[in-house]
Protein backbone atom coordinates (compact mmCIF):
# COMPACT_ATOMS: atom_id res chain seq x y z
CA MET A 1 -18.41 -25.27 15.87
CA ASN A 2 -20.65 -22.44 16.93
CA LYS A 3 -22.21 -19.47 15.15
CA ILE A 4 -18.97 -17.45 15.36
CA TRP A 5 -16.97 -20.32 13.81
CA TRP A 6 -19.42 -20.78 10.95
CA LYS A 7 -19.40 -17.03 10.25
CA ALA A 8 -15.57 -16.90 10.21
CA ALA A 9 -15.28 -20.06 8.11
CA GLY A 10 -17.96 -18.79 5.69
CA VAL A 11 -16.22 -15.44 5.24
CA ARG A 12 -12.93 -17.21 4.62
CA ALA A 13 -14.53 -19.60 2.11
CA ILE A 14 -16.20 -16.73 0.23
CA LYS A 15 -12.87 -14.85 0.02
CA THR A 16 -11.17 -18.01 -1.21
CA PHE A 17 -13.89 -18.53 -3.82
CA ALA A 18 -13.51 -14.96 -5.07
CA GLN A 19 -9.70 -15.22 -5.23
CA ALA A 20 -9.83 -18.49 -7.16
CA LEU A 21 -12.45 -17.13 -9.52
CA ILE A 22 -10.36 -14.04 -10.21
CA ALA A 23 -7.39 -16.25 -10.97
CA GLY A 24 -9.53 -18.34 -13.32
CA ILE A 25 -10.79 -15.24 -15.10
CA GLY A 26 -7.26 -13.96 -15.41
CA THR A 27 -6.25 -17.02 -17.43
CA GLY A 28 -8.48 -15.90 -20.32
CA VAL A 29 -6.98 -13.45 -22.76
CA ALA A 30 -10.33 -11.73 -23.19
CA LEU A 31 -13.44 -11.83 -21.01
CA LEU A 32 -15.32 -13.75 -23.68
CA GLU A 33 -12.62 -16.41 -23.82
CA VAL A 34 -12.89 -17.39 -20.17
CA ASN A 35 -14.01 -20.94 -19.60
CA TRP A 36 -16.65 -19.98 -16.99
CA SER A 37 -17.67 -23.51 -16.04
CA TYR A 38 -14.05 -24.42 -15.33
CA ALA A 39 -13.34 -21.20 -13.40
CA LEU A 40 -16.49 -21.56 -11.29
CA SER A 41 -15.81 -25.23 -10.53
CA VAL A 42 -12.24 -24.53 -9.49
CA ALA A 43 -13.47 -21.68 -7.25
CA ALA A 44 -16.11 -23.95 -5.71
CA VAL A 45 -13.51 -26.64 -4.94
CA ALA A 46 -11.27 -24.00 -3.40
CA ALA A 47 -14.13 -22.78 -1.18
CA ILE A 48 -14.82 -26.40 -0.04
CA LEU A 49 -11.15 -26.89 0.72
CA SER A 50 -11.16 -23.66 2.69
CA LEU A 51 -14.01 -24.93 4.84
CA LEU A 52 -12.22 -28.23 5.38
CA THR A 53 -9.02 -26.40 6.32
CA SER A 54 -10.98 -24.32 8.80
CA LEU A 55 -11.79 -27.52 10.66
CA ALA A 56 -8.16 -27.53 11.79
CA GLY A 57 -8.79 -24.24 13.53
CA LEU A 58 -9.50 -20.60 12.97
CA PRO A 59 -7.22 -18.11 14.74
CA GLU A 60 -10.01 -15.51 14.65
CA VAL A 61 -12.27 -17.75 16.71
CA GLU A 62 -9.62 -19.21 18.98
CA ASP A 63 -8.53 -15.74 20.10
CA ASP A 64 -12.13 -15.00 21.14
CA LYS A 65 -12.31 -12.07 18.76
CA LYS A 66 -15.69 -10.91 17.60
CA ILE A 67 -16.26 -11.09 13.86
């Protein structure tokens, strides 16, 4: 796990966080009806799971591509 791996895993985790948060926001009928604490906690768990999944390998890093 070098600098390139952490950068790739971090970018992937941030994207996963954003996607999960958007899904959580989409469950509210109106913006004011969104359960923000629930949506943020689900997004945080998704980001953590993304990092853990990245431990199995990142194709971007294994192919020696620069990120």
